[in-house]
Amino acid sequence: MSVMKITAADFEKEVLACDKPVLVDFYADWCGPCKMLAPVLAQIAEEHPEYKICKVNVDEESDLAAKFGVMSIPTLFVIKNGEITNHAMGAMPKARVLDLF
């Protein structure tokens, strides 16, 4: 499965109502650490179909970023059954991202 770009319009359906754990990456196209994290998330998405990996562009979805209290990027949230179960900030290696689940 590939990384899915999410907007406020489809956030509830694609993230909150999803039947498997979802990792949401709040990012921006201009962000260096976000660019470093992108291939890690793509690899996890391909190797772990039991998870759903989504991205939210904070420049395009500022209200959604504000709702989640995103103050720096990248910020990752793991959401299971509509509830935030973990979160982290900054670029990190694959093993650390997987530990969030």
N, C-alpha and C. Protein backbone atom coordinates (compact mmCIF):
# COMPACT_ATOMS: atom_id res chain seq x y z
N MET A 1 0.86 -1.18 0.00
CA MET A 1 0.00 0.00 0.00
C MET A 1 0.90 1.24 0.00
N SER A 2 0.47 2.25 -0.68
CA SER A 2 1.27 3.47 -0.74
C SER A 2 0.79 4.47 0.32
N VAL A 3 1.58 5.52 0.49
CA VAL A 3 1.24 6.59 1.42
C VAL A 3 0.09 7.40 0.82
N MET A 4 -0.94 7.67 1.61
CA MET A 4 -2.13 8.38 1.14
C MET A 4 -2.13 9.81 1.65
N LYS A 5 -2.34 10.77 0.76
CA LYS A 5 -2.46 12.16 1.16
C LYS A 5 -3.90 12.40 1.62
N ILE A 6 -4.04 13.02 2.79
CA ILE A 6 -5.35 13.21 3.43
C ILE A 6 -5.65 14.70 3.56
N THR A 7 -6.92 15.03 3.41
CA THR A 7 -7.40 16.40 3.64
C THR A 7 -8.41 16.37 4.78
N ALA A 8 -8.80 17.54 5.23
CA ALA A 8 -9.81 17.62 6.29
C ALA A 8 -11.11 16.95 5.85
N ALA A 9 -11.42 17.03 4.56
CA ALA A 9 -12.67 16.48 4.05
C ALA A 9 -12.75 14.96 4.17
N ASP A 10 -11.62 14.28 4.05
CA ASP A 10 -11.66 12.82 4.12
C ASP A 10 -10.97 12.24 5.36
N PHE A 11 -10.58 13.12 6.30
CA PHE A 11 -9.84 12.67 7.48
C PHE A 11 -10.65 11.68 8.32
N GLU A 12 -11.90 11.99 8.57
CA GLU A 12 -12.71 11.10 9.41
C GLU A 12 -12.84 9.72 8.77
N LYS A 13 -13.17 9.69 7.49
CA LYS A 13 -13.37 8.41 6.80
C LYS A 13 -12.08 7.61 6.69
N GLU A 14 -10.98 8.26 6.30
CA GLU A 14 -9.73 7.55 6.02
C GLU A 14 -8.89 7.27 7.27
N VAL A 15 -9.04 8.08 8.31
CA VAL A 15 -8.21 7.92 9.51
C VAL A 15 -9.03 7.46 10.71
N LEU A 16 -9.99 8.26 11.12
CA LEU A 16 -10.72 7.97 12.35
C LEU A 16 -11.57 6.71 12.26
N ALA A 17 -12.13 6.43 11.08
CA ALA A 17 -12.99 5.26 10.92
C ALA A 17 -12.24 4.04 10.37
N CYS A 18 -10.94 4.13 10.23
CA CYS A 18 -10.16 3.03 9.67
C CYS A 18 -10.10 1.87 10.67
N ASP A 19 -10.15 0.63 10.15
CA ASP A 19 -10.15 -0.54 11.02
C ASP A 19 -8.75 -1.04 11.36
N LYS A 20 -7.70 -0.32 10.91
CA LYS A 20 -6.35 -0.70 11.29
C LYS A 20 -5.60 0.53 11.79
N PRO A 21 -4.49 0.35 12.48
CA PRO A 21 -3.73 1.51 12.97
C PRO A 21 -3.28 2.41 11.83
N VAL A 22 -3.43 3.71 12.04
CA VAL A 22 -3.07 4.70 11.02
C VAL A 22 -1.97 5.60 11.57
N LEU A 23 -0.91 5.78 10.79
CA LEU A 23 0.12 6.75 11.12
C LEU A 23 -0.13 7.97 10.25
N VAL A 24 -0.32 9.12 10.89
CA VAL A 24 -0.56 10.37 10.18
C VAL A 24 0.69 11.24 10.31
N ASP A 25 1.25 11.61 9.16
CA ASP A 25 2.44 12.46 9.10
C ASP A 25 2.01 13.87 8.72
N PHE A 26 2.14 14.81 9.65
CA PHE A 26 1.91 16.22 9.35
C PHE A 26 3.23 16.77 8.83
N TYR A 27 3.24 17.28 7.59
CA TYR A 27 4.47 17.66 6.90
C TYR A 27 4.25 18.91 6.06
N ALA A 28 5.35 19.40 5.47
CA ALA A 28 5.28 20.46 4.46
C ALA A 28 6.30 20.13 3.37
N ASP A 29 6.00 20.54 2.15
CA ASP A 29 6.88 20.25 1.01
C ASP A 29 8.26 20.89 1.16
N TRP A 30 8.36 22.02 1.86
CA TRP A 30 9.62 22.75 2.00
C TRP A 30 10.47 22.26 3.18
N CYS A 31 9.96 21.35 3.97
CA CYS A 31 10.60 20.91 5.22
C CYS A 31 11.66 19.84 4.97
N GLY A 32 12.91 20.14 5.30
CA GLY A 32 14.01 19.19 5.11
C GLY A 32 13.83 17.88 5.86
N PRO A 33 13.57 17.92 7.18
CA PRO A 33 13.35 16.67 7.91
C PRO A 33 12.16 15.87 7.38
N CYS A 34 11.13 16.57 6.88
CA CYS A 34 9.98 15.88 6.30
C CYS A 34 10.40 15.11 5.05
N LYS A 35 11.26 15.73 4.24
CA LYS A 35 11.76 15.06 3.04
C LYS A 35 12.60 13.84 3.40
N MET A 36 13.35 13.93 4.50
CA MET A 36 14.16 12.78 4.95
C MET A 36 13.26 11.64 5.44
N LEU A 37 12.14 11.96 6.04
CA LEU A 37 11.23 10.96 6.59
C LEU A 37 10.37 10.30 5.51
N ALA A 38 10.10 10.99 4.42
CA ALA A 38 9.18 10.50 3.38
C ALA A 38 9.54 9.11 2.86
N PRO A 39 10.81 8.83 2.48
CA PRO A 39 11.11 7.48 1.98
C PRO A 39 10.98 6.40 3.04
N VAL A 40 11.20 6.75 4.30
CA VAL A 40 11.03 5.80 5.41
C VAL A 40 9.55 5.41 5.50
N LEU A 41 8.67 6.39 5.43
CA LEU A 41 7.23 6.12 5.51
C LEU A 41 6.76 5.33 4.30
N ALA A 42 7.29 5.64 3.13
CA ALA A 42 6.93 4.90 1.92
C ALA A 42 7.34 3.43 2.04
N GLN A 43 8.51 3.19 2.61
CA GLN A 43 8.99 1.82 2.80
C GLN A 43 8.10 1.07 3.79
N ILE A 44 7.74 1.72 4.88
CA ILE A 44 6.85 1.09 5.87
C ILE A 44 5.50 0.78 5.23
N ALA A 45 4.97 1.71 4.44
CA ALA A 45 3.68 1.50 3.78
C ALA A 45 3.71 0.27 2.87
N GLU A 46 4.83 0.05 2.18
CA GLU A 46 4.95 -1.10 1.27
C GLU A 46 5.15 -2.40 2.04
N GLU A 47 5.91 -2.36 3.13
CA GLU A 47 6.28 -3.57 3.85
C GLU A 47 5.27 -4.00 4.92
N HIS A 48 4.40 -3.09 5.34
CA HIS A 48 3.49 -3.37 6.45
C HIS A 48 2.03 -3.04 6.09
N PRO A 49 1.38 -3.94 5.36
CA PRO A 49 -0.01 -3.68 4.96
C PRO A 49 -0.97 -3.65 6.15
N GLU A 50 -0.51 -4.09 7.32
CA GLU A 50 -1.37 -4.04 8.51
C GLU A 50 -1.51 -2.63 9.06
N TYR A 51 -0.72 -1.69 8.54
CA TYR A 51 -0.81 -0.29 8.92
C TYR A 51 -1.23 0.55 7.72
N LYS A 52 -1.82 1.69 8.01
CA LYS A 52 -2.14 2.67 6.97
C LYS A 52 -1.29 3.90 7.24
N ILE A 53 -0.61 4.40 6.22
CA ILE A 53 0.25 5.57 6.36
C ILE A 53 -0.37 6.72 5.58
N CYS A 54 -0.60 7.84 6.26
CA CYS A 54 -1.23 9.01 5.64
C CYS A 54 -0.38 10.25 5.88
N LYS A 55 -0.50 11.21 4.97
CA LYS A 55 0.21 12.47 5.09
C LYS A 55 -0.79 13.62 5.04
N VAL A 56 -0.54 14.63 5.86
CA VAL A 56 -1.35 15.85 5.86
C VAL A 56 -0.41 17.02 5.65
N ASN A 57 -0.61 17.77 4.57
CA ASN A 57 0.21 18.94 4.28
C ASN A 57 -0.28 20.10 5.16
N VAL A 58 0.58 20.57 6.07
CA VAL A 58 0.16 21.60 7.02
C VAL A 58 -0.10 22.95 6.35
N ASP A 59 0.53 23.20 5.21
CA ASP A 59 0.29 24.45 4.49
C ASP A 59 -1.10 24.46 3.85
N GLU A 60 -1.55 23.30 3.41
CA GLU A 60 -2.87 23.19 2.76
C GLU A 60 -3.99 22.91 3.76
N GLU A 61 -3.65 22.30 4.89
CA GLU A 61 -4.65 21.88 5.89
C GLU A 61 -4.30 22.46 7.26
N SER A 62 -4.14 23.78 7.33
CA SER A 62 -3.71 24.41 8.57
C SER A 62 -4.72 24.22 9.71
N ASP A 63 -6.01 24.18 9.40
CA ASP A 63 -7.01 23.98 10.45
C ASP A 63 -6.88 22.59 11.08
N LEU A 64 -6.62 21.60 10.25
CA LEU A 64 -6.45 20.24 10.75
C LEU A 64 -5.18 20.14 11.60
N ALA A 65 -4.11 20.78 11.15
CA ALA A 65 -2.86 20.80 11.93
C ALA A 65 -3.09 21.49 13.27
N ALA A 66 -3.83 22.58 13.27
CA ALA A 66 -4.13 23.30 14.52
C ALA A 66 -4.97 22.44 15.45
N LYS A 67 -5.92 21.72 14.90
CA LYS A 67 -6.78 20.85 15.71
C LYS A 67 -5.95 19.81 16.47
N PHE A 68 -4.87 19.35 15.85
CA PHE A 68 -4.00 18.35 16.48
C PHE A 68 -2.84 18.98 17.25
N GLY A 69 -2.81 20.31 17.31
CA GLY A 69 -1.78 20.99 18.08
C GLY A 69 -0.38 20.86 17.49
N VAL A 70 -0.29 20.73 16.18
CA VAL A 70 1.01 20.57 15.53
C VAL A 70 1.76 21.90 15.58
N MET A 71 2.91 21.89 16.24
CA MET A 71 3.73 23.10 16.39
C MET A 71 5.02 23.03 15.59
N SER A 72 5.47 21.82 15.28
CA SER A 72 6.66 21.65 14.45
C SER A 72 6.44 20.43 13.56
N ILE A 73 7.21 20.38 12.49
CA ILE A 73 7.04 19.29 11.54
C ILE A 73 8.40 18.66 11.24
N PRO A 74 8.41 17.39 10.90
CA PRO A 74 7.26 16.49 10.86
C PRO A 74 6.77 16.11 12.26
N THR A 75 5.47 15.95 12.37
CA THR A 75 4.85 15.41 13.57
C THR A 75 4.04 14.19 13.15
N LEU A 76 4.25 13.09 13.85
CA LEU A 76 3.56 11.84 13.55
C LEU A 76 2.59 11.50 14.67
N PHE A 77 1.40 11.06 14.28
CA PHE A 77 0.41 10.55 15.23
C PHE A 77 0.04 9.14 14.82
N VAL A 78 -0.09 8.24 15.78
CA VAL A 78 -0.65 6.93 15.52
C VAL A 78 -2.07 6.95 16.09
N ILE A 79 -3.03 6.60 15.25
CA ILE A 79 -4.44 6.62 15.64
C ILE A 79 -5.01 5.22 15.45
N LYS A 80 -5.57 4.69 16.54
CA LYS A 80 -6.21 3.38 16.51
C LYS A 80 -7.64 3.54 17.01
N ASN A 81 -8.59 3.02 16.26
CA ASN A 81 -10.01 3.11 16.64
C ASN A 81 -10.43 4.54 16.94
N GLY A 82 -9.91 5.49 16.15
CA GLY A 82 -10.30 6.88 16.30
C GLY A 82 -9.61 7.63 17.43
N GLU A 83 -8.69 6.97 18.16
CA GLU A 83 -8.01 7.57 19.29
C GLU A 83 -6.51 7.67 19.04
N ILE A 84 -5.90 8.78 19.46
CA ILE A 84 -4.45 8.92 19.36
C ILE A 84 -3.82 8.02 20.42
N THR A 85 -2.93 7.11 19.97
CA THR A 85 -2.27 6.20 20.91
C THR A 85 -0.80 6.53 21.09
N ASN A 86 -0.23 7.31 20.16
CA ASN A 86 1.17 7.68 20.27
C ASN A 86 1.45 8.85 19.34
N HIS A 87 2.54 9.56 19.60
CA HIS A 87 2.95 10.63 18.70
C HIS A 87 4.44 10.89 18.88
N ALA A 88 5.04 11.50 17.87
CA ALA A 88 6.47 11.83 17.91
C ALA A 88 6.71 12.98 16.95
N MET A 89 7.82 13.68 17.16
CA MET A 89 8.19 14.79 16.28
C MET A 89 9.59 14.56 15.72
N GLY A 90 9.80 15.04 14.50
CA GLY A 90 11.12 15.01 13.89
C GLY A 90 11.34 13.79 13.02
N ALA A 91 12.37 13.89 12.19
CA ALA A 91 12.77 12.76 11.35
C ALA A 91 13.35 11.68 12.24
N MET A 92 13.12 10.42 11.88
CA MET A 92 13.61 9.31 12.69
C MET A 92 13.81 8.09 11.81
N PRO A 93 14.62 7.14 12.27
CA PRO A 93 14.83 5.93 11.49
C PRO A 93 13.58 5.03 11.49
N LYS A 94 13.55 4.12 10.55
CA LYS A 94 12.42 3.23 10.37
C LYS A 94 12.04 2.47 11.65
N ALA A 95 13.04 1.96 12.36
CA ALA A 95 12.76 1.18 13.57
C ALA A 95 12.03 2.03 14.61
N ARG A 96 12.40 3.28 14.73
CA ARG A 96 11.74 4.17 15.71
C ARG A 96 10.30 4.46 15.29
N VAL A 97 10.07 4.63 13.98
CA VAL A 97 8.70 4.85 13.50
C VAL A 97 7.86 3.62 13.80
N LEU A 98 8.38 2.44 13.52
CA LEU A 98 7.63 1.21 13.77
C LEU A 98 7.34 1.03 15.26
N ASP A 99 8.24 1.49 16.12
CA ASP A 99 8.01 1.40 17.56
C ASP A 99 6.80 2.22 18.01
N LEU A 100 6.39 3.21 17.22
CA LEU A 100 5.25 4.03 17.58
C LEU A 100 3.94 3.23 17.55
N PHE A 101 3.91 2.18 16.73
CA PHE A 101 2.70 1.37 16.63
C PHE A 101 2.55 0.49 17.86
